Amino acid sequence: MTLPLASDADPIARAFGSQGLKLNYFDWGHAEAPIVLLAHGVRDHARSWDQTARALRHDGWRVVAFDLRGHGDSDWSPDGAYLTSYQVQDLADLIDHLGAPQLSLVGHSFGGTICARYAAMFPERVRKLVVIDGMGPGPENFERWNRQGAVARSREWLARRREAAAKPPPLFRTIEEAAARLSSLHPHLAPEQAEHLARHGVRHVADGWTWKSDPLMSLYPPEDYYADTSDVWSALACPTLIFWGAKSFTLDPIADGRVGLIKDGRAVVYDDAGHWPHHERFDDFCAEVRAFL
């Protein structure tokens, strides 16, 4: 049984500025309460956290979920500047905007990467950290990239970026069609989850609906990944909870030693979940996070 998606307290949409962009976030209230900040992954959006946000709000937290640049209701970068370092500054600017001397961070996928890098850079600002299948590339990835070489990888990236920029965005006749597309990509999602994600993840255009996210967002240049080294994980000072689904496309962060680098880290593995364990195993995930925080 999951929490209902129907609203019992809709969040307030707010905005802040970072590096010339207007970025959107949702504030779930309890203004004086300690903050838990939620960061989504690539081609996702802040409203994907609604179930988690409601649960944490009931526990008395002030919950803030933000749309990364190029996602949701945040501005797209006019020059496709989606390097992780830009995203970390966006996160830092939001935290300063909120005026929080210390807070807890929960990030999924690329959002987990951003949160972890911020926590490593500013350990005094982060009380606790939750990373959901977001530890980035593992040693096996780096070994393969080193064999390929920087020149070949850069040429491949440039070709893929040009191809993505030239391709028309996907168009759906209905929101239900967009939800069906999500279900085909993520077969472990419940139908109501796919519908909720699609409803908040598309915008209306002349001939139907299209995704809100910038297609250039997921095309990282080779140089970007090299900040995601063991230094990040060994620098974390706060208690850290890692989630990983054994059916995910990502590498096992326990087997390859990355989780072991975290001084105060613990991992939860779901054998029957993929890249979105916070949706696929929501009740179990939510119980773990509420207890941890």
C-alpha atoms as a PDB file:
ATOM      1  CA  MET A   1       0.000   0.000   0.000  1.00  0.00           C
ATOM      2  CA  THR A   2       1.471   3.354  -1.039  1.00  0.00           C
ATOM      3  CA  LEU A   3       0.464   6.802   0.072  1.00  0.00           C
ATOM      4  CA  PRO A   4      -2.307   8.318  -2.068  1.00  0.00           C
ATOM      5  CA  LEU A   5      -1.206  10.563  -4.904  1.00  0.00           C
ATOM      6  CA  ALA A   6      -4.222  12.785  -4.393  1.00  0.00           C
ATOM      7  CA  SER A   7      -3.112  15.943  -2.610  1.00  0.00           C
ATOM      8  CA  ASP A   8      -3.661  16.401   1.109  1.00  0.00           C
ATOM      9  CA  ALA A   9      -1.482  19.518   1.088  1.00  0.00           C
ATOM     10  CA  ASP A  10      -0.237  20.820  -2.239  1.00  0.00           C
ATOM     11  CA  PRO A  11       3.205  22.405  -2.206  1.00  0.00           C
ATOM     12  CA  ILE A  12       3.795  26.059  -3.002  1.00  0.00           C
ATOM     13  CA  ALA A  13       5.796  26.745  -6.179  1.00  0.00           C
ATOM     14  CA  ARG A  14       8.595  29.241  -5.617  1.00  0.00           C
ATOM     15  CA  ALA A  15      11.602  30.425  -7.618  1.00  0.00           C
ATOM     16  CA  PHE A  16      15.214  31.454  -7.090  1.00  0.00           C
ATOM     17  CA  GLY A  17      17.972  32.700  -9.353  1.00  0.00           C
ATOM     18  CA  SER A  18      21.224  30.917 -10.123  1.00  0.00           C
ATOM     19  CA  GLN A  19      23.802  31.792 -12.767  1.00  0.00           C
ATOM     20  CA  GLY A  20      21.343  33.827 -14.820  1.00  0.00           C
ATOM     21  CA  LEU A  21      18.564  31.198 -14.751  1.00  0.00           C
ATOM     22  CA  LYS A  22      15.211  31.231 -12.976  1.00  0.00           C
ATOM     23  CA  LEU A  23      14.853  27.884 -11.233  1.00  0.00           C
ATOM     24  CA  ASN A  24      11.722  26.405  -9.695  1.00  0.00           C
ATOM     25  CA  TYR A  25      11.210  24.614  -6.399  1.00  0.00           C
ATOM     26  CA  PHE A  26       8.262  23.343  -4.398  1.00  0.00           C
ATOM     27  CA  ASP A  27       7.976  24.125  -0.697  1.00  0.00           C
ATOM     28  CA  TRP A  28       5.856  21.802   1.430  1.00  0.00           C
ATOM     29  CA  GLY A  29       5.634  24.179   4.378  1.00  0.00           C
ATOM     30  CA  HIS A  30       6.548  24.046   8.092  1.00  0.00           C
ATOM     31  CA  ALA A  31       8.654  27.186   7.625  1.00  0.00           C
ATOM     32  CA  GLU A  32      10.500  26.927  10.938  1.00  0.00           C
ATOM     33  CA  ALA A  33      11.142  23.176  10.762  1.00  0.00           C
ATOM     34  CA  PRO A  34      14.478  21.586   9.747  1.00  0.00           C
ATOM     35  CA  ILE A  35      14.769  21.155   5.981  1.00  0.00           C
ATOM     36  CA  VAL A  36      14.981  18.015   3.883  1.00  0.00           C
ATOM     37  CA  LEU A  37      15.873  18.917   0.289  1.00  0.00           C
ATOM     38  CA  LEU A  38      14.991  16.476  -2.507  1.00  0.00           C
ATOM     39  CA  ALA A  39      16.867  16.377  -5.841  1.00  0.00           C
ATOM     40  CA  HIS A  40      15.517  14.357  -8.790  1.00  0.00           C
ATOM     41  CA  GLY A  41      17.426  12.658 -11.602  1.00  0.00           C
ATOM     42  CA  VAL A  42      17.843  13.251 -15.331  1.00  0.00           C
ATOM     43  CA  ARG A  43      14.645  13.798 -17.343  1.00  0.00           C
ATOM     44  CA  ASP A  44      12.612  13.773 -14.147  1.00  0.00           C
ATOM     45  CA  HIS A  45      11.066  16.623 -12.142  1.00  0.00           C
ATOM     46  CA  ALA A  46      10.420  17.796  -8.603  1.00  0.00           C
ATOM     47  CA  ARG A  47       6.842  16.496  -8.428  1.00  0.00           C
ATOM     48  CA  SER A  48       8.154  12.942  -8.733  1.00  0.00           C
ATOM     49  CA  TRP A  49       8.871  13.310  -4.996  1.00  0.00           C
ATOM     50  CA  ASP A  50       5.241  13.942  -3.978  1.00  0.00           C
ATOM     51  CA  GLN A  51       4.752  10.688  -2.066  1.00  0.00           C
ATOM     52  CA  THR A  52       8.062  11.014  -0.223  1.00  0.00           C
ATOM     53  CA  ALA A  53       7.464  14.707   0.482  1.00  0.00           C
ATOM     54  CA  ARG A  54       4.051  14.075   2.031  1.00  0.00           C
ATOM     55  CA  ALA A  55       5.422  11.337   4.258  1.00  0.00           C
ATOM     56  CA  LEU A  56       8.296  13.499   5.500  1.00  0.00           C
ATOM     57  CA  ARG A  57       6.029  16.500   5.957  1.00  0.00           C
ATOM     58  CA  HIS A  58       3.829  14.396   8.236  1.00  0.00           C
ATOM     59  CA  ASP A  59       6.953  13.738  10.308  1.00  0.00           C
ATOM     60  CA  GLY A  60       7.366  17.489  10.830  1.00  0.00           C
ATOM     61  CA  TRP A  61      10.053  18.296   8.259  1.00  0.00           C
ATOM     62  CA  ARG A  62      10.034  21.268   5.937  1.00  0.00           C
ATOM     63  CA  VAL A  63      10.382  19.529   2.581  1.00  0.00           C
ATOM     64  CA  VAL A  64      11.777  21.309  -0.482  1.00  0.00           C
ATOM     65  CA  ALA A  65      11.954  19.649  -3.900  1.00  0.00           C
ATOM     66  CA  PHE A  66      13.513  21.507  -6.809  1.00  0.00           C
ATOM     67  CA  ASP A  67      13.517  21.258 -10.587  1.00  0.00           C
ATOM     68  CA  LEU A  68      17.076  21.032 -11.849  1.00  0.00           C
ATOM     69  CA  ARG A  69      17.983  23.416 -14.659  1.00  0.00           C
ATOM     70  CA  GLY A  70      16.560  22.093 -17.906  1.00  0.00           C
ATOM     71  CA  HIS A  71      13.812  20.189 -16.087  1.00  0.00           C
ATOM     72  CA  GLY A  72      10.262  20.708 -14.876  1.00  0.00           C
ATOM     73  CA  ASP A  73       9.379  24.377 -14.587  1.00  0.00           C
ATOM     74  CA  SER A  74      12.982  25.595 -14.334  1.00  0.00           C
ATOM     75  CA  ASP A  75      14.684  27.459 -17.182  1.00  0.00           C
ATOM     76  CA  TRP A  76      16.626  25.569 -19.797  1.00  0.00           C
ATOM     77  CA  SER A  77      20.237  26.643 -20.149  1.00  0.00           C
ATOM     78  CA  PRO A  78      20.403  28.712 -23.381  1.00  0.00           C
ATOM     79  CA  ASP A  79      23.761  27.188 -24.282  1.00  0.00           C
ATOM     80  CA  GLY A  80      23.120  23.679 -22.954  1.00  0.00           C
ATOM     81  CA  ALA A  81      25.364  24.194 -19.915  1.00  0.00           C
ATOM     82  CA  TYR A  82      24.519  21.125 -17.864  1.00  0.00           C
ATOM     83  CA  LEU A  83      27.909  20.207 -16.409  1.00  0.00           C
ATOM     84  CA  THR A  84      27.636  18.753 -12.933  1.00  0.00           C
ATOM     85  CA  SER A  85      29.585  21.696 -11.536  1.00  0.00           C
ATOM     86  CA  TYR A  86      26.871  24.097 -12.741  1.00  0.00           C
ATOM     87  CA  GLN A  87      24.241  21.920 -11.115  1.00  0.00           C
ATOM     88  CA  VAL A  88      26.159  21.835  -7.829  1.00  0.00           C
ATOM     89  CA  GLN A  89      26.251  25.642  -7.825  1.00  0.00           C
ATOM     90  CA  ASP A  90      22.492  25.713  -8.447  1.00  0.00           C
ATOM     91  CA  LEU A  91      22.056  23.494  -5.393  1.00  0.00           C
ATOM     92  CA  ALA A  92      24.407  25.664  -3.334  1.00  0.00           C
ATOM     93  CA  ASP A  93      22.532  28.805  -4.399  1.00  0.00           C
ATOM     94  CA  LEU A  94      19.193  27.235  -3.441  1.00  0.00           C
ATOM     95  CA  ILE A  95      20.487  26.224  -0.011  1.00  0.00           C
ATOM     96  CA  ASP A  96      21.771  29.754   0.569  1.00  0.00           C
ATOM     97  CA  HIS A  97      18.454  31.144  -0.704  1.00  0.00           C
ATOM     98  CA  LEU A  98      16.603  29.017   1.854  1.00  0.00           C
ATOM     99  CA  GLY A  99      18.850  30.368   4.607  1.00  0.00           C
ATOM    100  CA  ALA A 100      19.476  26.936   6.049  1.00  0.00           C
ATOM    101  CA  PRO A 101      22.695  26.684   8.079  1.00  0.00           C
ATOM    102  CA  GLN A 102      22.341  22.900   7.919  1.00  0.00           C
ATOM    103  CA  LEU A 103      19.922  20.503   6.224  1.00  0.00           C
ATOM    104  CA  SER A 104      19.506  16.932   5.020  1.00  0.00           C
ATOM    105  CA  LEU A 105      19.773  15.970   1.340  1.00  0.00           C
ATOM    106  CA  VAL A 106      18.009  13.192  -0.585  1.00  0.00           C
ATOM    107  CA  GLY A 107      18.974  12.685  -4.211  1.00  0.00           C
ATOM    108  CA  HIS A 108      18.043  10.175  -6.897  1.00  0.00           C
ATOM    109  CA  SER A 109      20.376   9.234  -9.761  1.00  0.00           C
ATOM    110  CA  PHE A 110      22.084  12.393 -11.066  1.00  0.00           C
ATOM    111  CA  GLY A 111      20.438  14.306  -8.220  1.00  0.00           C
ATOM    112  CA  GLY A 112      22.254  11.994  -5.804  1.00  0.00           C
ATOM    113  CA  THR A 113      25.532  12.769  -7.540  1.00  0.00           C
ATOM    114  CA  ILE A 114      24.916  16.500  -7.121  1.00  0.00           C
ATOM    115  CA  CYS A 115      23.957  16.127  -3.456  1.00  0.00           C
ATOM    116  CA  ALA A 116      26.973  13.959  -2.690  1.00  0.00           C
ATOM    117  CA  ARG A 117      29.393  16.378  -4.306  1.00  0.00           C
ATOM    118  CA  TYR A 118      27.861  19.295  -2.372  1.00  0.00           C
ATOM    119  CA  ALA A 119      28.052  17.323   0.888  1.00  0.00           C
ATOM    120  CA  ALA A 120      31.712  16.538   0.233  1.00  0.00           C
ATOM    121  CA  MET A 121      32.474  20.202  -0.493  1.00  0.00           C
ATOM    122  CA  PHE A 122      30.478  21.653   2.422  1.00  0.00           C
ATOM    123  CA  PRO A 123      30.373  19.013   5.182  1.00  0.00           C
ATOM    124  CA  GLU A 124      29.357  21.572   7.794  1.00  0.00           C
ATOM    125  CA  ARG A 125      26.107  22.279   5.901  1.00  0.00           C
ATOM    126  CA  VAL A 126      24.802  18.703   5.541  1.00  0.00           C
ATOM    127  CA  ARG A 127      23.262  16.833   8.465  1.00  0.00           C
ATOM    128  CA  LYS A 128      22.454  13.575   6.652  1.00  0.00           C
ATOM    129  CA  LEU A 129      22.630  12.342   3.060  1.00  0.00           C
ATOM    130  CA  VAL A 130      20.508   9.812   1.156  1.00  0.00           C
ATOM    131  CA  VAL A 131      21.685   8.712  -2.308  1.00  0.00           C
ATOM    132  CA  ILE A 132      19.293   6.603  -4.405  1.00  0.00           C
ATOM    133  CA  ASP A 133      21.136   4.788  -7.204  1.00  0.00           C
ATOM    134  CA  GLY A 134      23.170   7.937  -7.690  1.00  0.00           C
ATOM    135  CA  MET A 135      26.818   7.073  -7.130  1.00  0.00           C
ATOM    136  CA  GLY A 136      27.694   7.757 -10.745  1.00  0.00           C
ATOM    137  CA  PRO A 137      30.208   5.746 -12.766  1.00  0.00           C
ATOM    138  CA  GLY A 138      32.194   2.979 -11.104  1.00  0.00           C
ATOM    139  CA  PRO A 139      35.762   1.772 -11.624  1.00  0.00           C
ATOM    140  CA  GLU A 140      34.681  -0.477 -14.506  1.00  0.00           C
ATOM    141  CA  ASN A 141      33.282   2.550 -16.365  1.00  0.00           C
ATOM    142  CA  PHE A 142      36.487   4.529 -15.937  1.00  0.00           C
ATOM    143  CA  GLU A 143      38.604   1.614 -17.139  1.00  0.00           C
ATOM    144  CA  ARG A 144      36.531   1.335 -20.327  1.00  0.00           C
ATOM    145  CA  TRP A 145      36.665   5.097 -20.954  1.00  0.00           C
ATOM    146  CA  ASN A 146      40.425   5.166 -20.428  1.00  0.00           C
ATOM    147  CA  ARG A 147      40.818   2.423 -23.042  1.00  0.00           C
ATOM    148  CA  GLN A 148      38.661   4.397 -25.477  1.00  0.00           C
ATOM    149  CA  GLY A 149      40.643   7.589 -24.907  1.00  0.00           C
ATOM    150  CA  ALA A 150      39.623  11.204 -24.406  1.00  0.00           C
ATOM    151  CA  VAL A 151      39.780  12.190 -28.085  1.00  0.00           C
ATOM    152  CA  ALA A 152      37.468   9.405 -29.283  1.00  0.00           C
ATOM    153  CA  ARG A 153      35.057  10.001 -26.414  1.00  0.00           C
ATOM    154  CA  SER A 154      34.948  13.756 -27.072  1.00  0.00           C
ATOM    155  CA  ARG A 155      34.240  13.194 -30.761  1.00  0.00           C
ATOM    156  CA  GLU A 156      31.464  10.742 -29.877  1.00  0.00           C
ATOM    157  CA  TRP A 157      29.966  13.249 -27.418  1.00  0.00           C
ATOM    158  CA  LEU A 158      29.980  16.033 -29.990  1.00  0.00           C
ATOM    159  CA  ALA A 159      28.227  13.845 -32.566  1.00  0.00           C
ATOM    160  CA  ARG A 160      25.563  12.767 -30.072  1.00  0.00           C
ATOM    161  CA  ARG A 161      24.988  16.364 -28.936  1.00  0.00           C
ATOM    162  CA  ARG A 162      24.506  17.579 -32.506  1.00  0.00           C
ATOM    163  CA  GLU A 163      22.168  14.684 -33.237  1.00  0.00           C
ATOM    164  CA  ALA A 164      20.064  15.416 -30.142  1.00  0.00           C
ATOM    165  CA  ALA A 165      19.853  19.128 -30.952  1.00  0.00           C
ATOM    166  CA  ALA A 166      18.689  18.396 -34.511  1.00  0.00           C
ATOM    167  CA  LYS A 167      16.065  15.807 -33.563  1.00  0.00           C
ATOM    168  CA  PRO A 168      12.478  17.042 -32.995  1.00  0.00           C
ATOM    169  CA  PRO A 169      11.226  16.408 -29.450  1.00  0.00           C
ATOM    170  CA  PRO A 170       8.892  13.442 -28.911  1.00  0.00           C
ATOM    171  CA  LEU A 171       5.232  14.353 -29.250  1.00  0.00           C
ATOM    172  CA  PHE A 172       2.352  12.613 -27.463  1.00  0.00           C
ATOM    173  CA  ARG A 173      -1.309  13.001 -28.355  1.00  0.00           C
ATOM    174  CA  THR A 174      -2.375  12.559 -24.722  1.00  0.00           C
ATOM    175  CA  ILE A 175      -0.880  12.444 -21.249  1.00  0.00           C
ATOM    176  CA  GLU A 176      -1.886   8.788 -21.118  1.00  0.00           C
ATOM    177  CA  GLU A 177       0.330   8.149 -24.127  1.00  0.00           C
ATOM    178  CA  ALA A 178       3.248   9.790 -22.317  1.00  0.00           C
ATOM    179  CA  ALA A 179       2.519   7.638 -19.261  1.00  0.00           C
ATOM    180  CA  ALA A 180       2.556   4.533 -21.436  1.00  0.00           C
ATOM    181  CA  ARG A 181       5.968   5.559 -22.737  1.00  0.00           C
ATOM    182  CA  LEU A 182       7.264   5.838 -19.161  1.00  0.00           C
ATOM    183  CA  SER A 183       5.807   2.443 -18.316  1.00  0.00           C
ATOM    184  CA  SER A 184       7.585   0.873 -21.284  1.00  0.00           C
ATOM    185  CA  LEU A 185      10.906   2.330 -20.115  1.00  0.00           C
ATOM    186  CA  HIS A 186      10.341   1.510 -16.431  1.00  0.00           C
ATOM    187  CA  PRO A 187       8.208  -1.660 -16.270  1.00  0.00           C
ATOM    188  CA  HIS A 188       8.334  -1.832 -12.466  1.00  0.00           C
ATOM    189  CA  LEU A 189       6.365   1.418 -12.101  1.00  0.00           C
ATOM    190  CA  ALA A 190       2.760   1.102 -10.996  1.00  0.00           C
ATOM    191  CA  PRO A 191       0.302   2.588 -13.531  1.00  0.00           C
ATOM    192  CA  GLU A 192      -0.720   5.396 -11.163  1.00  0.00           C
ATOM    193  CA  GLN A 193       2.945   6.294 -10.630  1.00  0.00           C
ATOM    194  CA  ALA A 194       3.586   6.478 -14.366  1.00  0.00           C
ATOM    195  CA  GLU A 195       0.509   8.665 -14.834  1.00  0.00           C
ATOM    196  CA  HIS A 196       1.565  11.024 -12.036  1.00  0.00           C
ATOM    197  CA  LEU A 197       5.106  11.344 -13.397  1.00  0.00           C
ATOM    198  CA  ALA A 198       3.820  11.977 -16.906  1.00  0.00           C
ATOM    199  CA  ARG A 199       1.204  14.517 -15.841  1.00  0.00           C
ATOM    200  CA  HIS A 200       3.797  16.698 -14.141  1.00  0.00           C
ATOM    201  CA  GLY A 201       6.560  15.931 -16.660  1.00  0.00           C
ATOM    202  CA  VAL A 202       4.946  17.174 -19.884  1.00  0.00           C
ATOM    203  CA  ARG A 203       3.938  20.561 -21.239  1.00  0.00           C
ATOM    204  CA  HIS A 204       1.183  21.286 -23.726  1.00  0.00           C
ATOM    205  CA  VAL A 205       2.184  22.360 -27.240  1.00  0.00           C
ATOM    206  CA  ALA A 206       0.171  23.004 -30.388  1.00  0.00           C
ATOM    207  CA  ASP A 207      -0.159  19.374 -31.481  1.00  0.00           C
ATOM    208  CA  GLY A 208      -0.187  17.577 -28.144  1.00  0.00           C
ATOM    209  CA  TRP A 209       2.248  17.113 -25.265  1.00  0.00           C
ATOM    210  CA  THR A 210       6.024  16.962 -25.002  1.00  0.00           C
ATOM    211  CA  TRP A 211       8.507  16.412 -22.176  1.00  0.00           C
ATOM    212  CA  LYS A 212       9.514  19.451 -20.135  1.00  0.00           C
ATOM    213  CA  SER A 213      13.135  18.319 -19.898  1.00  0.00           C
ATOM    214  CA  ASP A 214      15.848  19.549 -22.261  1.00  0.00           C
ATOM    215  CA  PRO A 215      17.116  16.606 -24.380  1.00  0.00           C
ATOM    216  CA  LEU A 216      20.666  18.009 -24.117  1.00  0.00           C
ATOM    217  CA  MET A 217      20.603  17.523 -20.351  1.00  0.00           C
ATOM    218  CA  SER A 218      21.760  13.898 -20.364  1.00  0.00           C
ATOM    219  CA  LEU A 219      24.709  14.339 -22.750  1.00  0.00           C
ATOM    220  CA  TYR A 220      27.659  14.818 -20.424  1.00  0.00           C
ATOM    221  CA  PRO A 221      31.052  15.652 -21.925  1.00  0.00           C
ATOM    222  CA  PRO A 222      33.842  13.213 -20.999  1.00  0.00           C
ATOM    223  CA  GLU A 223      35.502  15.696 -18.669  1.00  0.00           C
ATOM    224  CA  ASP A 224      32.417  15.946 -16.460  1.00  0.00           C
ATOM    225  CA  TYR A 225      32.629  12.479 -14.936  1.00  0.00           C
ATOM    226  CA  TYR A 226      36.141  12.818 -13.624  1.00  0.00           C
ATOM    227  CA  ALA A 227      35.008  14.752 -10.579  1.00  0.00           C
ATOM    228  CA  ASP A 228      33.034  11.663  -9.505  1.00  0.00           C
ATOM    229  CA  THR A 229      36.044   9.872  -8.087  1.00  0.00           C
ATOM    230  CA  SER A 230      36.724   8.150  -4.791  1.00  0.00           C
ATOM    231  CA  ASP A 231      37.587  11.571  -3.323  1.00  0.00           C
ATOM    232  CA  VAL A 232      33.879  12.456  -3.164  1.00  0.00           C
ATOM    233  CA  TRP A 233      32.877   9.360  -1.224  1.00  0.00           C
ATOM    234  CA  SER A 234      35.837   9.404   1.150  1.00  0.00           C
ATOM    235  CA  ALA A 235      35.238  13.107   1.897  1.00  0.00           C
ATOM    236  CA  LEU A 236      31.673  12.617   3.135  1.00  0.00           C
ATOM    237  CA  ALA A 237      31.492  13.406   6.850  1.00  0.00           C
ATOM    238  CA  CYS A 238      27.763  12.997   7.507  1.00  0.00           C
ATOM    239  CA  PRO A 239      25.821   9.764   8.014  1.00  0.00           C
ATOM    240  CA  THR A 240      24.980   8.496   4.524  1.00  0.00           C
ATOM    241  CA  LEU A 241      22.339   6.030   3.361  1.00  0.00           C
ATOM    242  CA  ILE A 242      22.758   4.442  -0.082  1.00  0.00           C
ATOM    243  CA  PHE A 243      19.960   2.706  -2.003  1.00  0.00           C
ATOM    244  CA  TRP A 244      20.572   0.459  -5.000  1.00  0.00           C
ATOM    245  CA  GLY A 245      18.297  -1.791  -7.036  1.00  0.00           C
ATOM    246  CA  ALA A 246      19.912  -4.992  -8.287  1.00  0.00           C
ATOM    247  CA  LYS A 247      17.983  -4.715 -11.574  1.00  0.00           C
ATOM    248  CA  SER A 248      19.340  -1.224 -12.270  1.00  0.00           C
ATOM    249  CA  PHE A 249      21.563  -0.511 -15.272  1.00  0.00           C
ATOM    250  CA  THR A 250      24.155   0.980 -12.902  1.00  0.00           C
ATOM    251  CA  LEU A 251      27.077  -0.907 -11.399  1.00  0.00           C
ATOM    252  CA  ASP A 252      26.861  -2.425  -7.923  1.00  0.00           C
ATOM    253  CA  PRO A 253      28.460   0.209  -5.633  1.00  0.00           C
ATOM    254  CA  ILE A 254      28.980  -2.321  -2.854  1.00  0.00           C
ATOM    255  CA  ALA A 255      30.771  -4.923  -4.969  1.00  0.00           C
ATOM    256  CA  ASP A 256      33.115  -2.387  -6.580  1.00  0.00           C
ATOM    257  CA  GLY A 257      34.031  -0.802  -3.241  1.00  0.00           C
ATOM    258  CA  ARG A 258      32.520   2.665  -3.537  1.00  0.00           C
ATOM    259  CA  VAL A 259      30.162   2.297  -0.568  1.00  0.00           C
ATOM    260  CA  GLY A 260      33.099   1.099   1.538  1.00  0.00           C
ATOM    261  CA  LEU A 261      34.837   4.451   1.004  1.00  0.00           C
ATOM    262  CA  ILE A 262      32.150   6.293   2.979  1.00  0.00           C
ATOM    263  CA  LYS A 263      33.168   6.742   6.617  1.00  0.00           C
ATOM    264  CA  ASP A 264      29.634   6.559   8.028  1.00  0.00           C
ATOM    265  CA  GLY A 265      27.740   4.827   5.248  1.00  0.00           C
ATOM    266  CA  ARG A 266      25.149   2.079   5.002  1.00  0.00           C
ATOM    267  CA  ALA A 267      23.645   0.485   1.896  1.00  0.00           C
ATOM    268  CA  VAL A 268      20.169  -0.932   1.284  1.00  0.00           C
ATOM    269  CA  VAL A 269      19.788  -3.251  -1.714  1.00  0.00           C
ATOM    270  CA  TYR A 270      16.489  -4.304  -3.254  1.00  0.00           C
ATOM    271  CA  ASP A 271      16.895  -7.405  -5.405  1.00  0.00           C
ATOM    272  CA  ASP A 272      13.596  -6.873  -7.197  1.00  0.00           C
ATOM    273  CA  ALA A 273      13.988  -3.153  -7.999  1.00  0.00           C
ATOM    274  CA  GLY A 274      15.660  -1.232 -10.790  1.00  0.00           C
ATOM    275  CA  HIS A 275      16.833   2.360 -11.112  1.00  0.00           C
ATOM    276  CA  TRP A 276      13.868   3.843  -9.227  1.00  0.00           C
ATOM    277  CA  PRO A 277      13.694   1.936  -5.921  1.00  0.00           C
ATOM    278  CA  HIS A 278      11.997   4.926  -4.259  1.00  0.00           C
ATOM    279  CA  HIS A 279       9.015   4.296  -6.561  1.00  0.00           C
ATOM    280  CA  GLU A 280       9.274   0.536  -7.049  1.00  0.00           C
ATOM    281  CA  ARG A 281       9.652  -0.254  -3.335  1.00  0.00           C
ATOM    282  CA  PHE A 282       8.126   2.923  -1.937  1.00  0.00           C
ATOM    283  CA  ASP A 283       6.813   1.637   1.392  1.00  0.00           C
ATOM    284  CA  ASP A 284      10.111  -0.035   2.301  1.00  0.00           C
ATOM    285  CA  PHE A 285      12.147   2.887   0.997  1.00  0.00           C
ATOM    286  CA  CYS A 286      10.072   5.423   2.862  1.00  0.00           C
ATOM    287  CA  ALA A 287      10.299   3.518   6.156  1.00  0.00           C
ATOM    288  CA  GLU A 288      14.109   3.359   5.821  1.00  0.00           C
ATOM    289  CA  VAL A 289      14.432   7.074   5.059  1.00  0.00           C
ATOM    290  CA  ARG A 290      12.079   8.221   7.810  1.00  0.00           C
ATOM    291  CA  ALA A 291      13.966   6.141  10.384  1.00  0.00           C
ATOM    292  CA  PHE A 292      17.334   7.338   9.080  1.00  0.00           C
ATOM    293  CA  LEU A 293      16.436  11.029   9.149  1.00  0.00           C
END
